C-alpha atoms as a PDB file:
ATOM      1  CA  MET A   1     -36.138  86.581  38.948  1.00  0.00           C
ATOM      2  CA  ASN A   2     -33.904  84.044  36.524  1.00  0.00           C
ATOM      3  CA  VAL A   3     -31.036  82.738  39.527  1.00  0.00           C
ATOM      4  CA  TRP A   4     -28.505  82.138  35.959  1.00  0.00           C
ATOM      5  CA  ARG A   5     -28.762  85.796  34.883  1.00  0.00           C
ATOM      6  CA  THR A   6     -27.235  86.917  38.489  1.00  0.00           C
ATOM      7  CA  MET A   7     -24.857  83.953  39.115  1.00  0.00           C
ATOM      8  CA  VAL A   8     -22.933  83.703  35.540  1.00  0.00           C
ATOM      9  CA  LYS A   9     -21.927  85.710  32.707  1.00  0.00           C
ATOM     10  CA  PRO A  10     -22.500  84.847  28.912  1.00  0.00           C
ATOM     11  CA  LEU A  11     -20.238  83.185  26.910  1.00  0.00           C
ATOM     12  CA  ASP A  12     -17.267  84.684  25.745  1.00  0.00           C
ATOM     13  CA  ALA A  13     -16.031  84.763  22.263  1.00  0.00           C
ATOM     14  CA  THR A  14     -12.604  82.900  23.141  1.00  0.00           C
ATOM     15  CA  ASN A  15     -11.944  79.007  22.270  1.00  0.00           C
ATOM     16  CA  LEU A  16     -12.438  76.435  24.230  1.00  0.00           C
ATOM     17  CA  GLY A  17      -8.241  76.206  24.862  1.00  0.00           C
ATOM     18  CA  TYR A  18      -8.566  79.438  26.416  1.00  0.00           C
ATOM     19  CA  MET A  19     -11.676  78.788  28.543  1.00  0.00           C
ATOM     20  CA  LEU A  20      -9.976  74.866  29.858  1.00  0.00           C
ATOM     21  CA  ASP A  21      -6.102  76.956  30.516  1.00  0.00           C
ATOM     22  CA  ASN A  22      -8.368  79.579  32.284  1.00  0.00           C
ATOM     23  CA  GLY A  23      -9.788  77.477  34.405  1.00  0.00           C
ATOM     24  CA  ASP A  24     -13.553  78.471  33.685  1.00  0.00           C
ATOM     25  CA  GLN A  25     -16.732  76.077  33.836  1.00  0.00           C
ATOM     26  CA  LEU A  26     -18.860  75.793  31.245  1.00  0.00           C
ATOM     27  CA  VAL A  27     -22.125  75.141  32.365  1.00  0.00           C
ATOM     28  CA  VAL A  28     -25.122  73.210  30.185  1.00  0.00           C
ATOM     29  CA  VAL A  29     -28.963  74.694  30.987  1.00  0.00           C
ATOM     30  CA  CYS A  30     -32.251  73.103  30.187  1.00  0.00           C
ATOM     31  CA  ASN A  31     -33.994  75.986  28.566  1.00  0.00           C
ATOM     32  CA  ASN A  32     -37.343  74.105  29.655  1.00  0.00           C
ATOM     33  CA  GLY A  33     -38.769  76.767  31.927  1.00  0.00           C
ATOM     34  CA  VAL A  34     -40.317  74.061  34.124  1.00  0.00           C
ATOM     35  CA  CYS A  35     -37.366  72.168  34.726  1.00  0.00           C
ATOM     36  CA  SER A  36     -34.021  75.014  33.705  1.00  0.00           C
ATOM     37  CA  HIS A  37     -31.266  72.632  36.081  1.00  0.00           C
ATOM     38  CA  GLY A  38     -28.199  72.718  35.169  1.00  0.00           C
ATOM     39  CA  ALA A  39     -25.019  70.726  34.864  1.00  0.00           C
ATOM     40  CA  ASP A  40     -21.383  70.938  34.485  1.00  0.00           C
ATOM     41  CA  MET A  41     -19.829  70.680  31.323  1.00  0.00           C
ATOM     42  CA  VAL A  42     -16.726  68.268  31.008  1.00  0.00           C
ATOM     43  CA  ILE A  43     -14.770  70.999  29.313  1.00  0.00           C
ATOM     44  CA  PRO A  44     -11.592  68.390  28.710  1.00  0.00           C
ATOM     45  CA  TRP A  45     -13.918  66.335  26.913  1.00  0.00           C
ATOM     46  CA  LEU A  46     -15.407  69.212  24.378  1.00  0.00           C
ATOM     47  CA  VAL A  47     -11.833  70.617  23.679  1.00  0.00           C
ATOM     48  CA  GLU A  48     -11.278  66.637  22.659  1.00  0.00           C
ATOM     49  CA  LEU A  49     -13.820  66.021  20.553  1.00  0.00           C
ATOM     50  CA  LEU A  50     -14.094  69.701  18.987  1.00  0.00           C
ATOM     51  CA  GLY A  51     -10.759  71.300  19.509  1.00  0.00           C
ATOM     52  CA  ARG A  52      -8.745  73.192  21.455  1.00  0.00           C
ATOM     53  CA  ASP A  53      -9.556  76.502  18.774  1.00  0.00           C
ATOM     54  CA  HIS A  54     -13.355  75.635  18.372  1.00  0.00           C
ATOM     55  CA  SER A  55     -15.533  78.456  19.263  1.00  0.00           C
ATOM     56  CA  SER A  56     -17.199  78.687  22.815  1.00  0.00           C
ATOM     57  CA  LEU A  57     -19.983  80.252  21.032  1.00  0.00           C
ATOM     58  CA  ALA A  58     -23.067  78.485  22.618  1.00  0.00           C
ATOM     59  CA  ALA A  59     -23.931  78.169  18.974  1.00  0.00           C
ATOM     60  CA  ASP A  60     -21.042  77.068  17.546  1.00  0.00           C
ATOM     61  CA  ILE A  61     -20.456  74.624  20.486  1.00  0.00           C
ATOM     62  CA  ILE A  62     -23.854  72.738  19.697  1.00  0.00           C
ATOM     63  CA  SER A  63     -23.431  72.874  15.887  1.00  0.00           C
ATOM     64  CA  GLY A  64     -20.216  71.558  16.384  1.00  0.00           C
ATOM     65  CA  LEU A  65     -21.595  68.374  18.344  1.00  0.00           C
ATOM     66  CA  ARG A  66     -24.167  68.241  15.959  1.00  0.00           C
ATOM     67  CA  LYS A  67     -21.127  67.036  13.078  1.00  0.00           C
ATOM     68  CA  LYS A  68     -20.048  64.983  15.304  1.00  0.00           C
ATOM     69  CA  ARG A  69     -23.515  63.294  15.731  1.00  0.00           C
ATOM     70  CA  LYS A  70     -23.818  64.019  19.340  1.00  0.00           C
ATOM     71  CA  ARG A  71     -26.924  66.086  21.403  1.00  0.00           C
ATOM     72  CA  LEU A  72     -27.188  66.932  24.636  1.00  0.00           C
ATOM     73  CA  ARG A  73     -30.616  66.086  26.668  1.00  0.00           C
ATOM     74  CA  CYS A  74     -31.550  66.847  30.118  1.00  0.00           C
ATOM     75  CA  ARG A  75     -32.297  63.490  31.982  1.00  0.00           C
ATOM     76  CA  ARG A  76     -35.163  64.847  34.196  1.00  0.00           C
ATOM     77  CA  CYS A  77     -37.306  66.452  31.998  1.00  0.00           C
ATOM     78  CA  GLY A  78     -36.105  64.856  28.205  1.00  0.00           C
ATOM     79  CA  ASN A  79     -35.835  68.160  26.590  1.00  0.00           C
ATOM     80  CA  TYR A  80     -33.457  68.557  23.544  1.00  0.00           C
ATOM     81  CA  ASP A  81     -33.235  72.821  24.181  1.00  0.00           C
ATOM     82  CA  ILE A  82     -30.119  73.169  26.198  1.00  0.00           C
ATOM     83  CA  GLY A  83     -28.101  76.508  26.528  1.00  0.00           C
ATOM     84  CA  PHE A  84     -25.031  77.014  27.824  1.00  0.00           C
ATOM     85  CA  ARG A  85     -22.947  79.487  30.374  1.00  0.00           C
ATOM     86  CA  CYS A  86     -19.649  80.015  31.062  1.00  0.00           C
ATOM     87  CA  ILE A  87     -18.334  80.526  35.280  1.00  0.00           C
ATOM     88  CA  HIS A  88     -15.149  81.942  35.085  1.00  0.00           C
ATOM     89  CA  ALA A  89     -12.389  81.178  37.057  1.00  0.00           C
ATOM     90  CA  GLY A  90     -12.978  83.612  39.969  1.00  0.00           C
ATOM     91  CA  TYR A  91     -16.588  82.640  40.710  1.00  0.00           C
ATOM     92  CA  THR A  92     -17.169  81.229  44.037  1.00  0.00           C
ATOM     93  CA  GLY A  93     -21.218  80.496  44.492  1.00  0.00           C
ATOM     94  CA  SER A  94     -22.444  77.168  43.776  1.00  0.00           C
ATOM     95  CA  VAL A  95     -24.193  75.791  40.887  1.00  0.00           C
ATOM     96  CA  SER A  96     -26.723  72.770  41.220  1.00  0.00           C
ATOM     97  CA  SER A  97     -26.069  69.958  39.068  1.00  0.00           C
ATOM     98  CA  VAL A  98     -28.670  67.820  36.984  1.00  0.00           C
ATOM     99  CA  THR A  99     -27.160  65.014  34.625  1.00  0.00           C
ATOM    100  CA  PHE A 100     -27.406  65.709  30.806  1.00  0.00           C
ATOM    101  CA  ALA A 101     -27.220  62.844  28.521  1.00  0.00           C
ATOM    102  CA  LEU A 102     -25.622  62.703  25.702  1.00  0.00           C
ATOM    103  CA  ILE A 103     -26.787  60.850  22.611  1.00  0.00           C
END
């Protein structure tokens, strides 16, 4: 059973400013099936880089980062195939932490 599916919901079709104001967390997840680690993404940094009105959909965040010539990579396995999950402000569980490199 995939632990991430039971802990977090998919990203909402909101914007980054809403996520920041609501206190939501954004988790970057390595899509390598063997690794599958995640790390907290700093939403204020994304807001500063992409803007408050930027969509919080995973594909839009990735394309926005690419336009700014930024990529995320898992430091554990080196995989560039990443995904995002939103943890809503009311969630009280824990999320494992792995560092991702921004290149």
